[in-house]
Amino acid sequence: QVQLVESGGGLVQPGGSLRLSCVVSGSIFRVATVGWFRQGPGKERELVARVTNAGVTSYADSVKGRFTISRDNAKNTVYLQMNSLKFDDTAVYCCNLYWEPASVNVWGQGTQVTVSS
């Protein structure tokens, strides 16, 4: 069974940085796309960034130039480096694994990121 465990959230001041980690159990990690989503207070869930098994990345316009997604296949881990954080980045950040051939779509439990002065 595939499981995703996120960590790294917390309280940070505007302009600060955090690095989120998503550890994936199971060999499916190597073939799957992994993404970070977030849902802020009163907002819809949105895709923040994703990385394919080939290492191709994509980002929401709101985080381009500030956030970087990366994956370490040796550690079954995807990272989200978040720099220049803004108040609007406050949200619960969830990791998602998706593998189309078997319609595998798994979510982690989420980690809270709060940007506040």
Protein backbone atom coordinates (compact mmCIF):
# COMPACT_ATOMS: atom_id res chain seq x y z
CA GLN A 1 0.00 0.00 0.00
CA VAL A 2 1.32 3.40 -0.98
CA GLN A 3 1.63 5.95 1.80
CA LEU A 4 2.83 9.54 1.74
CA VAL A 5 4.16 11.34 4.82
CA GLU A 6 4.80 15.07 4.74
CA SER A 7 6.95 17.09 7.10
CA GLY A 8 8.64 20.46 7.34
CA GLY A 9 5.74 22.81 7.84
CA GLY A 10 5.66 25.48 10.48
CA LEU A 11 5.45 29.16 11.29
CA VAL A 12 7.65 31.55 9.34
CA GLN A 13 7.85 35.30 8.86
CA PRO A 14 7.22 36.92 5.48
CA GLY A 15 10.31 36.63 3.33
CA GLY A 16 11.42 33.50 5.11
CA SER A 17 11.99 29.98 3.82
CA LEU A 18 10.81 26.46 4.55
CA ARG A 19 11.51 23.09 2.98
CA LEU A 20 8.75 20.52 2.87
CA SER A 21 9.46 16.82 2.47
CA CYS A 22 7.20 14.05 1.22
CA VAL A 23 8.38 10.51 1.83
CA VAL A 24 6.67 7.85 -0.29
CA SER A 25 6.50 4.20 0.62
CA GLY A 26 6.59 1.69 -2.22
CA SER A 27 8.48 1.20 -5.46
CA ILE A 28 5.73 2.96 -7.43
CA PHE A 29 7.47 6.20 -6.53
CA ARG A 30 9.97 5.75 -9.34
CA VAL A 31 7.32 5.75 -12.06
CA ALA A 32 4.83 8.20 -10.62
CA THR A 33 4.25 11.93 -10.77
CA VAL A 34 4.31 13.64 -7.40
CA GLY A 35 2.79 17.01 -6.71
CA TRP A 36 2.34 19.48 -3.90
CA PHE A 37 -1.11 20.99 -3.45
CA ARG A 38 -2.28 23.55 -0.95
CA GLN A 39 -5.52 24.82 0.48
CA GLY A 40 -5.58 28.13 2.27
CA PRO A 41 -8.30 29.44 4.58
CA GLY A 42 -11.50 29.92 2.58
CA LYS A 43 -9.78 28.95 -0.66
CA GLU A 44 -10.00 26.11 -3.14
CA ARG A 45 -7.29 23.50 -3.24
CA GLU A 46 -4.69 24.36 -5.85
CA LEU A 47 -1.72 22.67 -7.44
CA VAL A 48 1.51 24.33 -6.35
CA ALA A 49 4.11 22.26 -8.17
CA ARG A 50 4.62 18.80 -9.58
CA VAL A 51 7.49 16.66 -10.79
CA THR A 52 7.20 13.72 -13.15
CA ASN A 53 9.17 10.50 -12.89
CA ALA A 54 11.44 11.93 -15.59
CA GLY A 55 12.14 15.00 -13.49
CA VAL A 56 10.03 17.43 -15.49
CA THR A 57 8.69 20.15 -13.24
CA SER A 58 5.81 22.59 -13.44
CA TYR A 59 4.63 25.38 -11.12
CA ALA A 60 1.66 27.55 -10.39
CA ASP A 61 2.22 31.10 -11.59
CA SER A 62 1.91 32.36 -8.03
CA VAL A 63 5.01 30.48 -6.88
CA LYS A 64 7.26 30.57 -9.95
CA GLY A 65 10.69 31.88 -9.07
CA ARG A 66 10.12 31.34 -5.35
CA PHE A 67 9.41 27.62 -4.95
CA THR A 68 11.45 24.68 -6.24
CA ILE A 69 10.27 21.09 -6.38
CA SER A 70 12.75 18.25 -6.58
CA ARG A 71 12.84 14.50 -6.11
CA ASP A 72 15.41 12.08 -4.75
CA ASN A 73 14.63 8.64 -6.13
CA ALA A 74 17.19 7.01 -3.83
CA LYS A 75 15.25 8.27 -0.82
CA ASN A 76 11.72 8.03 -2.27
CA THR A 77 11.32 11.66 -1.33
CA VAL A 78 10.03 14.81 -2.99
CA TYR A 79 10.98 18.22 -1.63
CA LEU A 80 9.40 21.62 -1.94
CA GLN A 81 11.82 24.43 -1.21
CA MET A 82 9.83 27.58 -0.49
CA ASN A 83 11.61 30.93 -0.46
CA SER A 84 10.39 34.51 -0.16
CA LEU A 85 7.25 33.33 1.55
CA LYS A 86 4.22 35.60 1.57
CA PHE A 87 1.11 35.83 3.73
CA ASP A 88 -0.88 34.29 0.86
CA ASP A 89 1.26 31.14 1.04
CA THR A 90 -0.40 30.24 4.32
CA ALA A 91 -2.14 26.91 3.76
CA VAL A 92 -2.19 23.22 4.46
CA TYR A 93 0.23 21.66 1.99
CA CYS A 94 -0.47 18.12 0.83
CA CYS A 95 1.60 15.75 -1.21
CA ASN A 96 -0.04 13.71 -3.97
CA LEU A 97 1.19 10.73 -5.95
CA TYR A 98 -0.41 9.91 -9.29
CA TRP A 99 0.25 7.05 -11.68
CA GLU A 100 -2.14 6.98 -14.59
CA PRO A 101 -1.78 3.36 -15.84
CA ALA A 102 -3.34 1.95 -12.70
CA SER A 103 -5.28 5.07 -11.71
CA VAL A 104 -3.25 5.33 -8.53
CA ASN A 105 -4.00 8.59 -6.77
CA VAL A 106 -2.80 8.85 -3.16
CA TRP A 107 -2.71 11.80 -0.75
CA GLY A 108 -0.68 12.52 2.33
CA GLN A 109 -2.16 13.92 5.51
CA GLY A 110 -0.85 17.44 4.97
CA THR A 111 1.41 19.84 6.80
CA GLN A 112 0.51 23.35 7.93
CA VAL A 113 2.49 26.33 6.68
CA THR A 114 1.74 29.65 8.34
CA VAL A 115 3.33 32.88 7.19
CA SER A 116 2.87 35.54 9.82
CA SER A 117 4.72 38.46 11.35
